[in-house]
Amino acid sequence: MHLVPATDAQKVQRDALTFSEWGKLLTPEEYIVRELRLRSHPWALADMRTWLLCSDEGTVLASCETFRTDSFRRAPDGALLPGDSFAIASVFTEERLRGHGHATRLMDLLASELERQPRAHAALLFSDVGPRIYARSGYRELPAWDWHLPPSPGAPGEGVDSLLCASDLGPALDRMRRPELPFFFWPTPSQLDWHLERGRIYVDRLGCSLPESAGATVGASTALWGLVGRSAELTVLMFDARSPAEASALLEAARREARRSGLSRVVLWEEPGNASLLPLVAGASRVARDGSLPMVRPLRPDVHPPALLPVPRGLWV
């Protein structure tokens, strides 16, 4: 077996096969258009690759995608050392080929390939099938809890300093605190806009409106959100609240935006930095995440992801 990058024609061939797994709400033709559109986004054009596990005879046995994302190690003096990490998505084996360990072999060969990248730090994935398969290849699961809030009436801009739009993603990220950890991932503005592009694709299918805002600021605190996929929910992509009062103000603005856009709820991923604040937010409920279990694997011996590594929703692929 060997690992090869897919050609454009092979990517479209895999799209026809993966429709059954990820084509909810779309026809097969619409799904192929979706995949082409997402691959044409600037972030994907720059940082995405599709990989094929092939037999010695050339038969494709399994496939996946990788997206390069920024990550940072801290030097002994506290300086941030930038590098490349890789989010892994769309791991797929045809049903007739399952049960032979192809996904595990794919992940092992892919890790070896990524370890050879000169600035490699770590690999990150979001499992919908539990931790066991990926643990075989050295991945460690991280906690996965969500917070849900119902929509709320009112003007989203009341109670916050400003509402943000998609063109504000860069300045908003610059306002946010980086984790004080020996290692962490950090998204780019283009990476976050890729999530918003998913919402632009699905909005007509969901019977709602695209949110008019992409986040809010209050004091020194910032949140970024959007309609990001196949569910009519307002998803918080990044959240940096400096106090319980500012956390509540940001999430109240999100609840009002959800109401204005006809969305069913607000969803926020729990992270170490917000875990103590969210129980204080009126109306928020904590639930075990259904799928998207974050798992991480170092790609070099001097990268040590902490047990409570923050993984905001903006990193998901």
Protein backbone atom coordinates (compact mmCIF):
# COMPACT_ATOMS: atom_id res chain seq x y z
CA MET A 1 0.00 0.00 0.00
CA HIS A 2 1.10 3.56 -0.61
CA LEU A 3 -0.16 7.11 -0.12
CA VAL A 4 -0.56 9.54 -3.03
CA PRO A 5 -2.06 13.02 -3.47
CA ALA A 6 -5.28 12.96 -5.51
CA THR A 7 -5.61 14.61 -8.89
CA ASP A 8 -8.54 16.95 -9.56
CA ALA A 9 -10.31 14.18 -11.47
CA GLN A 10 -9.80 11.74 -8.60
CA LYS A 11 -11.25 14.27 -6.14
CA VAL A 12 -14.46 14.44 -8.15
CA GLN A 13 -14.57 10.64 -8.31
CA ARG A 14 -14.32 10.50 -4.50
CA ASP A 15 -17.09 13.11 -4.22
CA ALA A 16 -19.48 10.75 -6.00
CA LEU A 17 -18.68 8.05 -3.42
CA THR A 18 -18.74 10.23 -0.29
CA PHE A 19 -22.14 11.75 -1.07
CA SER A 20 -23.85 8.97 0.88
CA GLU A 21 -21.86 9.94 3.98
CA TRP A 22 -21.90 13.74 3.87
CA GLY A 23 -24.50 14.79 1.31
CA LYS A 24 -27.42 15.42 3.68
CA LEU A 25 -29.95 17.98 2.33
CA LEU A 26 -28.39 17.97 -1.15
CA THR A 27 -28.80 16.01 -4.37
CA PRO A 28 -25.69 14.19 -5.66
CA GLU A 29 -25.21 16.93 -8.24
CA GLU A 30 -25.54 19.67 -5.64
CA TYR A 31 -23.08 17.88 -3.38
CA ILE A 32 -20.44 17.79 -6.11
CA VAL A 33 -21.00 21.52 -6.68
CA ARG A 34 -20.64 22.08 -2.92
CA GLU A 35 -17.34 20.24 -2.82
CA LEU A 36 -15.98 22.14 -5.81
CA ARG A 37 -17.07 25.43 -4.26
CA LEU A 38 -15.44 24.67 -0.92
CA ARG A 39 -12.23 23.53 -2.61
CA SER A 40 -12.23 26.80 -4.58
CA HIS A 41 -12.31 28.92 -1.40
CA PRO A 42 -9.01 30.80 -0.89
CA TRP A 43 -8.20 28.91 2.31
CA ALA A 44 -8.72 25.52 0.68
CA LEU A 45 -6.81 26.53 -2.46
CA ALA A 46 -3.82 27.43 -0.33
CA ASP A 47 -3.93 24.82 2.41
CA MET A 48 -6.01 21.76 1.45
CA ARG A 49 -4.86 18.44 -0.03
CA THR A 50 -6.75 15.21 -0.76
CA TRP A 51 -4.91 11.94 -0.10
CA LEU A 52 -5.52 8.43 -1.43
CA LEU A 53 -4.45 5.11 0.06
CA CYS A 54 -3.81 2.84 -2.91
CA SER A 55 -3.05 -0.84 -3.24
CA ASP A 56 0.11 -1.94 -5.02
CA GLU A 57 -2.09 -2.41 -8.11
CA GLY A 58 -3.36 1.17 -7.90
CA THR A 59 -6.87 0.53 -6.49
CA VAL A 60 -8.05 3.32 -4.18
CA LEU A 61 -8.75 1.80 -0.76
CA ALA A 62 -9.43 4.90 1.37
CA SER A 63 -9.13 8.68 1.25
CA CYS A 64 -8.98 11.78 3.43
CA GLU A 65 -8.26 15.50 3.29
CA THR A 66 -5.76 17.66 5.15
CA PHE A 67 -5.95 21.39 5.82
CA ARG A 68 -2.86 23.22 6.98
CA THR A 69 -3.54 25.43 10.01
CA ASP A 70 -1.31 27.70 12.06
CA SER A 71 0.03 26.48 15.38
CA PHE A 72 2.52 27.77 17.94
CA ARG A 73 5.02 26.37 20.42
CA ARG A 74 6.40 28.43 23.27
CA ALA A 75 10.15 28.70 23.65
CA PRO A 76 11.65 28.57 27.16
CA ASP A 77 11.71 32.39 27.19
CA GLY A 78 7.98 32.52 26.34
CA ALA A 79 8.41 33.52 22.70
CA LEU A 80 5.92 32.03 20.25
CA LEU A 81 7.43 29.76 17.60
CA PRO A 82 5.07 29.42 14.60
CA GLY A 83 4.65 26.19 12.70
CA ASP A 84 2.28 24.11 10.62
CA SER A 85 -0.34 21.73 11.91
CA PHE A 86 -2.75 19.71 9.83
CA ALA A 87 -6.48 19.21 10.38
CA ILE A 88 -7.65 15.90 8.91
CA ALA A 89 -11.13 15.53 7.47
CA SER A 90 -13.37 13.26 5.40
CA VAL A 91 -11.69 9.95 6.22
CA PHE A 92 -13.60 7.55 3.99
CA THR A 93 -13.51 3.88 3.01
CA GLU A 94 -16.14 2.42 0.70
CA GLU A 95 -18.45 0.01 2.48
CA ARG A 96 -17.28 -2.94 0.37
CA LEU A 97 -13.67 -2.28 1.47
CA ARG A 98 -14.30 -1.80 5.20
CA GLY A 99 -13.07 -4.12 7.90
CA HIS A 100 -9.56 -4.53 6.52
CA GLY A 101 -7.76 -1.79 8.48
CA HIS A 102 -7.46 0.57 5.52
CA ALA A 103 -8.39 3.68 7.55
CA THR A 104 -5.73 2.90 10.15
CA ARG A 105 -3.12 2.30 7.46
CA LEU A 106 -4.12 5.57 5.81
CA MET A 107 -3.68 7.48 9.08
CA ASP A 108 -0.31 5.87 9.78
CA LEU A 109 1.10 6.65 6.34
CA LEU A 110 -0.34 10.16 6.45
CA ALA A 111 1.34 10.85 9.80
CA SER A 112 4.66 9.73 8.34
CA GLU A 113 4.13 12.07 5.40
CA LEU A 114 3.21 15.03 7.60
CA GLU A 115 6.14 14.43 9.95
CA ARG A 116 8.44 15.17 7.02
CA GLN A 117 7.09 18.69 6.60
CA PRO A 118 9.79 21.13 7.77
CA ARG A 119 7.55 23.14 10.16
CA ALA A 120 5.27 20.29 11.28
CA HIS A 121 3.80 20.51 14.77
CA ALA A 122 0.73 18.28 15.16
CA ALA A 123 -2.28 16.69 13.47
CA LEU A 124 -5.86 17.39 14.55
CA LEU A 125 -9.06 15.58 13.64
CA PHE A 126 -12.71 15.51 14.68
CA SER A 127 -14.02 11.97 14.96
CA ASP A 128 -17.67 11.06 14.41
CA VAL A 129 -16.96 7.37 15.16
CA GLY A 130 -15.45 7.63 18.64
CA PRO A 131 -11.77 7.54 19.62
CA ARG A 132 -10.82 3.87 19.10
CA ILE A 133 -9.92 3.85 15.39
CA TYR A 134 -7.73 6.94 15.59
CA ALA A 135 -6.17 6.04 18.93
CA ARG A 136 -4.49 3.14 17.09
CA SER A 137 -2.52 5.74 15.15
CA GLY A 138 -1.42 7.76 18.15
CA TYR A 139 -4.28 10.25 18.47
CA ARG A 140 -5.45 11.33 21.93
CA GLU A 141 -8.99 12.47 22.54
CA LEU A 142 -9.81 15.81 24.15
CA PRO A 143 -12.92 16.78 26.17
CA ALA A 144 -15.98 17.52 24.04
CA TRP A 145 -18.84 19.51 25.57
CA ASP A 146 -21.23 21.98 23.98
CA TRP A 147 -23.33 24.78 25.41
CA HIS A 148 -26.76 25.48 23.91
CA LEU A 149 -28.75 28.70 24.27
CA PRO A 150 -32.24 29.41 22.91
CA PRO A 151 -32.93 32.39 20.62
CA SER A 152 -33.91 35.62 22.33
CA PRO A 153 -35.97 38.61 21.11
CA GLY A 154 -34.42 42.01 20.75
CA ALA A 155 -31.87 43.90 18.72
CA PRO A 156 -28.53 42.05 18.60
CA GLY A 157 -26.53 45.27 18.93
CA GLU A 158 -28.08 46.29 22.25
CA GLY A 159 -25.79 45.60 25.18
CA VAL A 160 -22.57 45.22 23.16
CA ASP A 161 -20.13 47.80 21.83
CA SER A 162 -20.26 46.69 18.21
CA LEU A 163 -21.48 44.01 15.87
CA LEU A 164 -18.96 42.54 13.45
CA CYS A 165 -19.22 41.47 9.81
CA ALA A 166 -17.20 39.03 7.71
CA SER A 167 -14.69 41.74 6.76
CA ASP A 168 -13.88 42.14 10.47
CA LEU A 169 -12.59 38.60 10.99
CA GLY A 170 -8.93 39.63 10.91
CA PRO A 171 -9.15 42.54 13.38
CA ALA A 172 -11.40 40.46 15.63
CA LEU A 173 -8.85 37.64 15.79
CA ASP A 174 -6.13 40.18 16.58
CA ARG A 175 -8.15 41.33 19.61
CA MET A 176 -8.33 37.83 21.06
CA ARG A 177 -5.92 36.46 23.62
CA ARG A 178 -3.67 33.59 22.58
CA PRO A 179 -3.63 30.70 25.07
CA GLU A 180 -0.84 30.80 27.67
CA LEU A 181 0.15 27.22 26.86
CA PRO A 182 3.24 25.40 25.58
CA PHE A 183 1.38 24.57 22.36
CA PHE A 184 -1.85 25.65 20.67
CA PHE A 185 -3.63 25.91 17.31
CA TRP A 186 -4.88 29.23 15.95
CA PRO A 187 -7.10 29.82 12.88
CA THR A 188 -6.64 32.46 10.19
CA PRO A 189 -9.36 34.87 8.98
CA SER A 190 -9.57 32.94 5.70
CA GLN A 191 -10.06 29.71 7.64
CA LEU A 192 -12.99 31.23 9.52
CA ASP A 193 -14.50 32.59 6.31
CA TRP A 194 -14.42 29.04 4.91
CA HIS A 195 -16.92 28.16 7.64
CA LEU A 196 -19.13 31.09 6.64
CA GLU A 197 -18.94 29.89 3.04
CA ARG A 198 -20.51 26.61 4.13
CA GLY A 199 -23.43 28.60 5.53
CA ARG A 200 -23.78 30.52 2.28
CA ILE A 201 -24.11 27.18 0.49
CA TYR A 202 -26.76 25.74 2.79
CA VAL A 203 -28.88 28.76 3.72
CA ASP A 204 -31.50 28.25 1.01
CA ARG A 205 -31.98 24.64 2.11
CA LEU A 206 -32.45 25.49 5.78
CA GLY A 207 -35.35 27.94 5.54
CA CYS A 208 -33.54 30.68 7.44
CA SER A 209 -31.51 33.80 6.69
CA LEU A 210 -27.78 34.37 6.75
CA PRO A 211 -26.95 36.21 9.97
CA GLU A 212 -26.41 39.90 9.37
CA SER A 213 -23.58 39.94 11.89
CA ALA A 214 -20.52 37.68 12.22
CA GLY A 215 -19.83 38.43 15.87
CA ALA A 216 -19.67 41.16 18.49
CA THR A 217 -17.37 43.01 20.87
CA VAL A 218 -17.95 44.34 24.36
CA GLY A 219 -15.16 45.82 26.42
CA ALA A 220 -12.06 43.74 25.68
CA SER A 221 -14.15 40.64 24.86
CA THR A 222 -14.88 39.28 21.38
CA ALA A 223 -17.04 36.56 19.80
CA LEU A 224 -17.25 35.39 16.20
CA TRP A 225 -20.18 33.35 14.92
CA GLY A 226 -22.11 32.30 11.86
CA LEU A 227 -24.36 29.84 10.07
CA VAL A 228 -21.73 27.29 9.20
CA GLY A 229 -23.30 24.13 7.82
CA ARG A 230 -26.25 21.80 7.53
CA SER A 231 -28.06 22.78 10.75
CA ALA A 232 -30.09 25.95 11.25
CA GLU A 233 -28.01 27.04 14.24
CA LEU A 234 -25.87 30.04 15.07
CA THR A 235 -22.46 28.51 15.79
CA VAL A 236 -19.89 30.42 17.81
CA LEU A 237 -16.54 29.97 16.06
CA MET A 238 -14.29 31.91 18.46
CA PHE A 239 -15.04 33.21 21.96
CA ASP A 240 -12.81 35.33 24.20
CA ALA A 241 -14.72 36.70 27.18
CA ARG A 242 -12.81 38.56 29.90
CA SER A 243 -15.56 38.51 32.57
CA PRO A 244 -18.90 36.84 33.35
CA ALA A 245 -20.76 40.04 32.48
CA GLU A 246 -19.06 40.35 29.10
CA ALA A 247 -19.60 36.64 28.37
CA SER A 248 -23.31 37.09 29.04
CA ALA A 249 -23.49 40.21 26.87
CA LEU A 250 -21.82 38.51 23.92
CA LEU A 251 -24.02 35.44 24.13
CA GLU A 252 -27.17 37.52 24.52
CA ALA A 253 -26.22 39.28 21.28
CA ALA A 254 -25.74 35.86 19.66
CA ARG A 255 -29.14 34.71 20.92
CA ARG A 256 -30.78 37.79 19.43
CA GLU A 257 -28.96 37.27 16.14
CA ALA A 258 -30.21 33.69 16.08
CA ARG A 259 -33.77 34.94 16.55
CA ARG A 260 -33.38 37.58 13.84
CA SER A 261 -32.03 34.99 11.39
CA GLY A 262 -34.68 32.35 12.10
CA LEU A 263 -32.18 29.92 13.67
CA SER A 264 -33.12 27.33 16.28
CA ARG A 265 -30.39 27.97 18.87
CA VAL A 266 -26.86 29.17 19.61
CA VAL A 267 -24.14 26.50 19.96
CA LEU A 268 -20.79 27.18 21.64
CA TRP A 269 -17.99 24.68 22.19
CA GLU A 270 -16.64 24.54 25.72
CA GLU A 271 -12.93 25.37 26.06
CA PRO A 272 -10.70 25.64 29.13
CA GLY A 273 -10.78 29.43 28.85
CA ASN A 274 -14.58 29.72 28.96
CA ALA A 275 -15.54 26.69 31.08
CA SER A 276 -15.86 28.70 34.30
CA LEU A 277 -17.87 31.50 32.66
CA LEU A 278 -20.55 29.58 30.77
CA PRO A 279 -22.38 28.14 33.82
CA LEU A 280 -23.03 31.76 34.85
CA VAL A 281 -24.82 32.62 31.59
CA ALA A 282 -28.60 32.59 32.03
CA GLY A 283 -30.36 30.06 29.80
CA ALA A 284 -27.20 28.13 28.85
CA SER A 285 -27.24 24.33 29.09
CA ARG A 286 -24.24 21.98 28.88
CA VAL A 287 -24.55 18.82 26.77
CA ALA A 288 -22.14 16.10 25.66
CA ARG A 289 -21.15 16.73 22.06
CA ASP A 290 -22.69 14.48 19.43
CA GLY A 291 -19.75 13.67 17.16
CA SER A 292 -16.84 15.96 16.27
CA LEU A 293 -14.67 14.52 19.05
CA PRO A 294 -11.36 16.42 18.88
CA MET A 295 -8.25 14.25 18.78
CA VAL A 296 -4.63 15.37 18.49
CA ARG A 297 -1.35 13.69 17.57
CA PRO A 298 2.09 15.36 17.84
CA LEU A 299 4.21 15.21 14.69
CA ARG A 300 7.52 15.93 16.40
CA PRO A 301 8.93 14.94 19.81
CA ASP A 302 9.21 18.48 21.20
CA VAL A 303 5.50 19.25 20.70
CA HIS A 304 3.49 18.47 23.81
CA PRO A 305 -0.22 19.30 23.46
CA PRO A 306 -1.66 19.90 26.95
CA ALA A 307 -4.42 17.68 28.30
CA LEU A 308 -6.80 20.65 28.26
CA LEU A 309 -5.81 21.97 24.85
CA PRO A 310 -8.34 24.56 23.64
CA VAL A 311 -10.03 23.59 20.37
CA PRO A 312 -12.53 26.29 19.28
CA ARG A 313 -15.16 25.46 16.68
CA GLY A 314 -13.27 27.64 14.20
CA LEU A 315 -10.67 24.87 13.87
CA TRP A 316 -13.18 22.19 12.80
CA VAL A 317 -12.99 20.67 9.33
